[in-house]
Protein backbone atom coordinates (compact mmCIF):
# COMPACT_ATOMS: atom_id res chain seq x y z
CA MET A 1 8.21 42.69 23.22
CA SER A 2 11.05 40.16 23.14
CA ILE A 3 14.70 40.98 22.56
CA LEU A 4 16.03 40.45 19.06
CA LEU A 5 19.63 41.52 19.47
CA LYS A 6 21.82 42.04 22.52
CA LEU A 7 25.46 43.05 22.74
CA LYS A 8 27.27 42.85 26.08
CA LYS A 9 30.64 44.57 26.52
CA VAL A 10 31.63 43.96 22.90
CA ASN A 11 35.14 44.96 21.87
CA LEU A 12 36.85 44.88 18.52
CA LYS A 13 40.58 45.42 18.12
CA TYR A 14 42.94 44.94 15.21
CA GLN A 15 46.62 44.21 15.58
CA THR A 16 48.90 45.77 12.95
CA GLY A 17 52.48 44.91 13.78
CA LYS A 18 53.12 46.27 17.25
CA ASP A 19 50.14 48.63 17.17
CA THR A 20 46.68 47.79 18.50
CA ILE A 21 43.77 49.67 16.94
CA LYS A 22 40.72 49.83 19.20
CA VAL A 23 37.70 49.99 16.92
CA LEU A 24 34.86 49.31 19.40
CA ASN A 25 35.12 49.58 23.16
CA ASN A 26 32.66 47.90 25.57
CA ILE A 27 29.57 48.30 23.38
CA ASP A 28 26.23 47.43 25.01
CA LEU A 29 23.11 47.39 22.83
CA ILE A 30 19.64 45.90 23.10
CA THR A 31 17.06 45.95 20.32
CA LYS A 32 13.60 44.42 20.40
CA LYS A 33 11.70 42.64 17.63
CA LYS A 34 10.04 45.05 15.18
CA GLU A 35 12.09 47.95 16.56
CA THR A 36 13.85 50.21 14.07
CA ILE A 37 17.24 51.68 14.93
CA SER A 38 19.83 53.82 13.17
CA ILE A 39 23.57 53.61 13.57
CA VAL A 40 25.05 57.02 12.86
CA GLY A 41 28.44 58.61 13.36
CA GLU A 42 31.45 60.15 11.76
CA SER A 43 33.48 58.35 9.14
CA GLY A 44 35.81 55.90 10.87
CA SER A 45 33.75 55.76 14.08
CA GLY A 46 33.07 52.01 13.82
CA LYS A 47 29.57 51.87 12.29
CA THR A 48 30.46 49.32 9.62
CA SER A 49 32.51 47.28 12.08
CA LEU A 50 29.53 47.14 14.45
CA ILE A 51 27.22 46.04 11.65
CA MET A 52 29.72 43.39 10.56
CA LEU A 53 29.76 42.00 14.12
CA ILE A 54 25.97 42.02 14.38
CA GLY A 55 25.69 40.20 11.02
CA GLY A 56 28.23 37.61 12.07
CA LEU A 57 30.65 38.64 9.32
CA GLU A 58 33.32 39.70 11.82
CA GLN A 59 34.28 38.18 15.15
CA ALA A 60 34.43 40.27 18.33
CA THR A 61 37.73 40.42 20.19
CA SER A 62 35.74 40.04 23.42
CA GLY A 63 32.22 40.36 24.74
CA LYS A 64 29.02 38.57 23.78
CA ILE A 65 26.51 38.98 20.97
CA PHE A 66 23.08 37.36 21.20
CA PHE A 67 20.59 37.00 18.37
CA GLN A 68 17.13 35.81 19.46
CA ASP A 69 18.61 34.60 22.77
CA HIS A 70 21.33 32.53 21.05
CA GLU A 71 24.90 33.60 21.67
CA ILE A 72 26.43 33.86 18.20
CA THR A 73 29.91 34.71 19.52
CA LYS A 74 30.36 31.04 20.46
CA LEU A 75 29.22 29.62 17.11
CA ASN A 76 31.43 28.47 14.26
CA GLU A 77 31.25 30.09 10.80
CA ASP A 78 28.79 27.52 9.40
CA GLU A 79 26.41 27.98 12.36
CA VAL A 80 26.53 31.78 12.10
CA SER A 81 26.04 31.52 8.35
CA ALA A 82 22.88 29.42 8.86
CA ILE A 83 21.42 32.10 11.17
CA ARG A 84 22.38 34.87 8.73
CA LYS A 85 20.87 32.94 5.80
CA LYS A 86 17.46 32.68 7.45
CA ASN A 87 17.28 35.86 9.50
CA ILE A 88 19.58 38.66 8.41
CA GLY A 89 19.57 40.66 5.20
CA ILE A 90 22.76 42.54 4.41
CA ILE A 91 23.09 45.13 1.68
CA PHE A 92 26.71 46.06 1.10
CA GLN A 93 27.84 49.48 -0.04
CA SER A 94 29.08 47.74 -3.19
CA PHE A 95 26.16 45.42 -3.74
CA TYR A 96 27.47 43.37 -6.69
CA LEU A 97 24.27 42.73 -8.55
CA ILE A 98 24.35 40.62 -11.71
CA PRO A 99 24.31 43.44 -14.29
CA ASN A 100 22.16 41.75 -16.98
CA TYR A 101 19.49 40.72 -14.41
CA THR A 102 16.66 42.95 -13.24
CA ALA A 103 16.40 43.81 -9.54
CA VAL A 104 13.67 41.17 -9.12
CA GLU A 105 15.80 38.54 -10.88
CA ASN A 106 18.77 39.31 -8.61
CA VAL A 107 16.57 38.86 -5.53
CA ALA A 108 14.92 35.72 -6.97
CA LEU A 109 18.32 34.16 -7.59
CA THR A 110 19.21 34.47 -3.91
CA LEU A 111 15.83 33.06 -2.91
CA GLU A 112 16.27 30.16 -5.32
CA LEU A 113 19.69 29.36 -3.89
CA ASN A 114 18.05 29.31 -0.45
CA LYS A 115 15.46 26.83 -1.75
CA PHE A 116 12.41 29.12 -1.55
CA LYS A 117 9.33 27.88 -3.39
CA ASN A 118 8.36 30.23 -6.25
CA PRO A 119 11.40 32.53 -5.88
CA GLU A 120 10.30 34.93 -8.63
CA LYS A 121 6.88 35.40 -7.00
CA GLU A 122 8.48 35.84 -3.54
CA ALA A 123 11.00 38.35 -4.91
CA LYS A 124 8.16 40.54 -6.17
CA LEU A 125 6.61 40.55 -2.69
CA LEU A 126 9.78 41.83 -1.03
């Protein structure tokens, strides 16, 4: 089975004034296509930060992240966004649905914006 996601020595640090906060330290991870994984840990352990890096929503301080053999850490925001648009689904803790739409209509709207044919029909299949 081929590799879907690979992280090599990924670090994430934040600078607040004179203080450096180390969020992730030398993370290595390999997942294969069709493999299911869980990211678990205590509050504040870096789970969300790791997911943000994997989804291309945050940039690593150092290290490399590969998605389907393409290094996304070298891509600009538009290039990462194009990969995310076609390959990565993200559900945020606060998911900001349009309140007067049904769940299917919320999904169909996203599919329509991404130029899917028959977005309502596709949304019902998801």
